[in-house]
Every structure is written in structure tokens, then in C-alpha cells.
Amino acid sequence: MSHALRTLGTGVFSVQRSVSVVKIRSAAVKDGQSQPFDESLLEFLVCPLSKKTLRYDESYNELINEELGIAYPIIDGIPKMIPQDARMIHKSGATEKPTQS
């Protein structure tokens, strides 16, 4: 960061700052890979709607709420647990009834 002094018309000095913006990127992002989700977080995370535990689906990289049938996306290893951003999933509600013999 550099500072420059300049005199205003009134004889008062002002400080002008020029700030350099540095982009920091992790090696995983440079390679086009997303960061993995830390599954130990499942011990603490709950669904913001139902307050129930969530299941991690590695194939879709989502946190699943089985009870409500919704999935929260995980972006760069961070769960995006905003209800408006959740995806509805189809529950396998076809349960077989036991047969009588």
C-alpha cells in the first residue's frame, strides 16, 4: 500500500491511498478441482428447516435431508444451507407391504 500526500486548495494536506488487490487462489481451485467436504462437520450440522441430521451424498456432493426430501449443495467444501437454494429430491416412497402366508 502506498501513500501520497497532496495539498488541497486550502493548504490542508490529505492522504491518498492506493491499494493493490491481490488474488489468492488455492492450488485446488487452480487445478479446477473443488475442495472436499469435511464429513466430520455432519456431527454439528442440522437442516435449518427441520433441525434434523443430514446425510452426505458424495456422488452429488450434497447434504440430504431424508425427511423433507431436499438436498443442500456443497460448493468448494462449504455447505450452502440456504433453504431457497435447496434442491427437491424424489424420495423412494414405494415401500413394499409384507405378504401374508
C-alpha atoms as a PDB file:
ATOM      1  CA  MET A   1       0.000   0.000   0.000  1.00  0.00           C
ATOM      2  CA  SER A   2       1.445   3.362  -0.900  1.00  0.00           C
ATOM      3  CA  HIS A   3       0.548   6.752   0.492  1.00  0.00           C
ATOM      4  CA  ALA A   4       0.734  10.042  -1.338  1.00  0.00           C
ATOM      5  CA  LEU A   5       0.408  13.480   0.237  1.00  0.00           C
ATOM      6  CA  ARG A   6      -1.206  16.234  -1.705  1.00  0.00           C
ATOM      7  CA  THR A   7      -2.126  19.780  -0.856  1.00  0.00           C
ATOM      8  CA  LEU A   8      -5.694  20.883  -1.250  1.00  0.00           C
ATOM      9  CA  GLY A   9      -6.528  24.427  -2.325  1.00  0.00           C
ATOM     10  CA  THR A  10      -6.934  25.398   1.333  1.00  0.00           C
ATOM     11  CA  GLY A  11      -3.387  24.367   2.268  1.00  0.00           C
ATOM     12  CA  VAL A  12      -4.600  21.279   4.127  1.00  0.00           C
ATOM     13  CA  PHE A  13      -2.828  18.034   3.427  1.00  0.00           C
ATOM     14  CA  SER A  14      -4.779  14.933   2.563  1.00  0.00           C
ATOM     15  CA  VAL A  15      -3.584  11.374   2.367  1.00  0.00           C
ATOM     16  CA  GLN A  16      -4.407   9.386  -0.705  1.00  0.00           C
ATOM     17  CA  ARG A  17      -4.056   5.626  -0.567  1.00  0.00           C
ATOM     18  CA  SER A  18      -3.650   3.292  -3.430  1.00  0.00           C
ATOM     19  CA  VAL A  19      -4.470  -0.271  -2.582  1.00  0.00           C
ATOM     20  CA  SER A  20      -3.288  -3.245  -4.553  1.00  0.00           C
ATOM     21  CA  VAL A  21      -5.739  -6.087  -4.793  1.00  0.00           C
ATOM     22  CA  VAL A  22      -4.116  -9.472  -4.533  1.00  0.00           C
ATOM     23  CA  LYS A  23      -5.993 -12.522  -5.655  1.00  0.00           C
ATOM     24  CA  ILE A  24      -5.241 -15.580  -3.583  1.00  0.00           C
ATOM     25  CA  ARG A  25      -6.247 -18.871  -5.022  1.00  0.00           C
ATOM     26  CA  SER A  26      -5.713 -22.277  -3.553  1.00  0.00           C
ATOM     27  CA  ALA A  27      -3.961 -24.980  -5.513  1.00  0.00           C
ATOM     28  CA  ALA A  28      -7.199 -26.950  -5.716  1.00  0.00           C
ATOM     29  CA  VAL A  29      -9.030 -24.086  -7.408  1.00  0.00           C
ATOM     30  CA  LYS A  30      -6.173 -23.543  -9.880  1.00  0.00           C
ATOM     31  CA  ASP A  31      -6.374 -27.172 -10.940  1.00  0.00           C
ATOM     32  CA  GLY A  32     -10.123 -26.908 -11.489  1.00  0.00           C
ATOM     33  CA  GLN A  33     -10.908 -29.190  -8.556  1.00  0.00           C
ATOM     34  CA  SER A  34     -13.243 -28.251  -5.759  1.00  0.00           C
ATOM     35  CA  GLN A  35     -12.251 -28.695  -2.155  1.00  0.00           C
ATOM     36  CA  PRO A  36     -13.622 -31.832  -0.487  1.00  0.00           C
ATOM     37  CA  PHE A  37     -16.310 -31.697   2.175  1.00  0.00           C
ATOM     38  CA  ASP A  38     -15.138 -32.466   5.701  1.00  0.00           C
ATOM     39  CA  GLU A  39     -17.538 -35.200   6.822  1.00  0.00           C
ATOM     40  CA  SER A  40     -16.745 -34.574  10.491  1.00  0.00           C
ATOM     41  CA  LEU A  41     -18.985 -31.480  10.176  1.00  0.00           C
ATOM     42  CA  LEU A  42     -22.026 -33.776   9.996  1.00  0.00           C
ATOM     43  CA  GLU A  43     -21.737 -34.137  13.755  1.00  0.00           C
ATOM     44  CA  PHE A  44     -22.674 -30.454  14.145  1.00  0.00           C
ATOM     45  CA  LEU A  45     -24.734 -29.553  11.071  1.00  0.00           C
ATOM     46  CA  VAL A  46     -28.516 -29.869  11.003  1.00  0.00           C
ATOM     47  CA  CYS A  47     -31.138 -28.862   8.480  1.00  0.00           C
ATOM     48  CA  PRO A  48     -32.112 -25.216   9.024  1.00  0.00           C
ATOM     49  CA  LEU A  49     -35.781 -26.079   8.384  1.00  0.00           C
ATOM     50  CA  SER A  50     -36.389 -29.259  10.371  1.00  0.00           C
ATOM     51  CA  LYS A  51     -33.337 -29.246  12.697  1.00  0.00           C
ATOM     52  CA  LYS A  52     -32.795 -32.915  11.784  1.00  0.00           C
ATOM     53  CA  THR A  53     -29.462 -34.548  10.959  1.00  0.00           C
ATOM     54  CA  LEU A  54     -28.231 -34.601   7.379  1.00  0.00           C
ATOM     55  CA  ARG A  55     -26.647 -37.288   5.235  1.00  0.00           C
ATOM     56  CA  TYR A  56     -23.698 -36.582   2.914  1.00  0.00           C
ATOM     57  CA  ASP A  57     -24.142 -37.790  -0.668  1.00  0.00           C
ATOM     58  CA  GLU A  58     -20.673 -37.967  -2.178  1.00  0.00           C
ATOM     59  CA  SER A  59     -21.878 -38.694  -5.728  1.00  0.00           C
ATOM     60  CA  TYR A  60     -23.822 -35.408  -5.949  1.00  0.00           C
ATOM     61  CA  ASN A  61     -21.738 -33.525  -3.344  1.00  0.00           C
ATOM     62  CA  GLU A  62     -24.847 -32.561  -1.372  1.00  0.00           C
ATOM     63  CA  LEU A  63     -26.242 -32.765   2.138  1.00  0.00           C
ATOM     64  CA  ILE A  64     -29.530 -34.645   2.131  1.00  0.00           C
ATOM     65  CA  ASN A  65     -32.494 -34.232   4.457  1.00  0.00           C
ATOM     66  CA  GLU A  66     -34.347 -37.525   4.015  1.00  0.00           C
ATOM     67  CA  GLU A  67     -37.398 -36.398   5.983  1.00  0.00           C
ATOM     68  CA  LEU A  68     -38.144 -33.311   3.850  1.00  0.00           C
ATOM     69  CA  GLY A  69     -36.721 -34.683   0.591  1.00  0.00           C
ATOM     70  CA  ILE A  70     -34.330 -31.795  -0.037  1.00  0.00           C
ATOM     71  CA  ALA A  71     -30.632 -31.534  -0.838  1.00  0.00           C
ATOM     72  CA  TYR A  72     -28.287 -28.663   0.017  1.00  0.00           C
ATOM     73  CA  PRO A  73     -25.375 -28.133  -2.407  1.00  0.00           C
ATOM     74  CA  ILE A  74     -21.751 -28.094  -1.248  1.00  0.00           C
ATOM     75  CA  ILE A  75     -19.606 -25.529  -3.059  1.00  0.00           C
ATOM     76  CA  ASP A  76     -15.820 -25.597  -2.601  1.00  0.00           C
ATOM     77  CA  GLY A  77     -16.213 -27.728   0.515  1.00  0.00           C
ATOM     78  CA  ILE A  78     -18.719 -25.338   2.124  1.00  0.00           C
ATOM     79  CA  PRO A  79     -22.372 -26.397   2.539  1.00  0.00           C
ATOM     80  CA  LYS A  80     -24.765 -23.793   1.154  1.00  0.00           C
ATOM     81  CA  MET A  81     -27.581 -24.369   3.611  1.00  0.00           C
ATOM     82  CA  ILE A  82     -29.994 -21.723   2.410  1.00  0.00           C
ATOM     83  CA  PRO A  83     -33.497 -23.206   2.063  1.00  0.00           C
ATOM     84  CA  GLN A  84     -34.161 -21.265  -1.163  1.00  0.00           C
ATOM     85  CA  ASP A  85     -31.083 -22.873  -2.738  1.00  0.00           C
ATOM     86  CA  ALA A  86     -32.017 -26.423  -1.733  1.00  0.00           C
ATOM     87  CA  ARG A  87     -32.999 -28.897  -4.415  1.00  0.00           C
ATOM     88  CA  MET A  88     -36.066 -31.099  -4.129  1.00  0.00           C
ATOM     89  CA  ILE A  89     -35.251 -34.776  -4.421  1.00  0.00           C
ATOM     90  CA  HIS A  90     -37.553 -37.665  -5.096  1.00  0.00           C
ATOM     91  CA  LYS A  91     -37.968 -39.928  -2.130  1.00  0.00           C
ATOM     92  CA  SER A  92     -38.166 -43.622  -2.742  1.00  0.00           C
ATOM     93  CA  GLY A  93     -41.547 -43.789  -1.046  1.00  0.00           C
ATOM     94  CA  ALA A  94     -42.508 -47.099  -2.622  1.00  0.00           C
ATOM     95  CA  THR A  95     -42.379 -49.365   0.399  1.00  0.00           C
ATOM     96  CA  GLU A  96     -43.377 -52.942  -0.012  1.00  0.00           C
ATOM     97  CA  LYS A  97     -46.116 -54.323   2.177  1.00  0.00           C
ATOM     98  CA  PRO A  98     -45.355 -57.646   3.802  1.00  0.00           C
ATOM     99  CA  THR A  99     -47.216 -60.575   2.294  1.00  0.00           C
ATOM    100  CA  GLN A 100     -49.366 -62.797   4.463  1.00  0.00           C
ATOM    101  CA  SER A 101     -48.838 -66.518   4.324  1.00  0.00           C
END
